[in-house]
Amino acid sequence: MSRSYWEATPLRNAILDCIIKRQGVVLDDELFNMLKKDFEDLSYGRLNRVLMSLETQGLIHVSQITK
């Protein structure tokens, strides 16, 4: 479902805000749940695309955590 209006806060800025609030460490599931409140149409694919973009820009570092 597409929106017919602009989001007040861009997703990339909201992601960076969440990461800063969590002092730089957050799991993707936690990040998704934090963002889902403000971005109702958010999908894991969209989240991962923005995370990849932020990582290639050198703004964040993504690492794999094994359980």
Protein backbone atom coordinates (compact mmCIF):
# COMPACT_ATOMS: atom_id res chain seq x y z
CA MET A 1 0.00 0.00 0.00
CA SER A 2 1.51 3.32 -1.01
CA ARG A 3 1.03 6.57 0.82
CA SER A 4 -0.30 9.67 -0.87
CA TYR A 5 1.68 12.06 1.34
CA TRP A 6 5.25 12.64 2.43
CA GLU A 7 6.55 11.21 5.68
CA ALA A 8 7.56 13.93 8.14
CA THR A 9 10.83 12.22 9.04
CA PRO A 10 12.81 10.34 6.38
CA LEU A 11 13.37 6.68 7.23
CA ARG A 12 17.16 7.03 7.17
CA ASN A 13 17.01 9.81 9.78
CA ALA A 14 14.66 7.78 11.97
CA ILE A 15 17.04 4.80 11.77
CA LEU A 16 20.00 6.95 12.79
CA ASP A 17 17.98 8.42 15.69
CA CYS A 18 17.08 4.92 16.94
CA ILE A 19 20.70 3.80 16.71
CA ILE A 20 21.89 6.87 18.62
CA LYS A 21 19.24 6.35 21.32
CA ARG A 22 20.45 2.75 21.76
CA GLN A 23 24.09 3.94 21.97
CA GLY A 24 25.02 2.37 18.66
CA VAL A 25 23.86 -1.21 19.25
CA VAL A 26 20.49 -2.49 18.08
CA LEU A 27 19.27 -5.74 16.52
CA ASP A 28 17.38 -5.55 13.25
CA ASP A 29 14.18 -6.98 14.82
CA GLU A 30 14.30 -4.37 17.59
CA LEU A 31 14.96 -1.61 15.07
CA PHE A 32 12.09 -2.80 12.89
CA ASN A 33 9.67 -2.80 15.85
CA MET A 34 10.81 0.67 16.95
CA LEU A 35 10.28 2.07 13.45
CA LYS A 36 7.03 0.23 12.68
CA LYS A 37 5.16 2.61 15.02
CA ASP A 38 5.94 5.61 12.79
CA PHE A 39 6.28 3.84 9.42
CA GLU A 40 3.23 1.57 9.17
CA ASP A 41 4.07 0.37 5.65
CA LEU A 42 7.67 -0.53 6.58
CA SER A 43 8.92 -3.90 5.36
CA TYR A 44 12.11 -5.79 6.18
CA GLY A 45 13.19 -5.35 2.57
CA ARG A 46 12.88 -1.56 2.75
CA LEU A 47 14.65 -1.49 6.12
CA ASN A 48 17.52 -3.59 4.78
CA ARG A 49 17.88 -1.38 1.68
CA VAL A 50 18.20 1.75 3.82
CA LEU A 51 20.62 0.00 6.22
CA MET A 52 22.75 -1.06 3.24
CA SER A 53 22.75 2.51 1.94
CA LEU A 54 23.79 3.89 5.34
CA GLU A 55 26.55 1.30 5.57
CA THR A 56 27.96 2.06 2.11
CA GLN A 57 27.96 5.76 3.04
CA GLY A 58 30.06 4.90 6.10
CA LEU A 59 27.45 6.17 8.57
CA ILE A 60 26.84 2.81 10.28
CA HIS A 61 28.51 -0.58 10.58
CA VAL A 62 26.35 -3.68 10.26
CA SER A 63 27.59 -6.96 11.63
CA GLN A 64 26.11 -10.43 11.93
CA ILE A 65 25.42 -11.72 15.41
CA THR A 66 25.14 -15.47 15.94
CA LYS A 67 22.98 -16.84 18.68
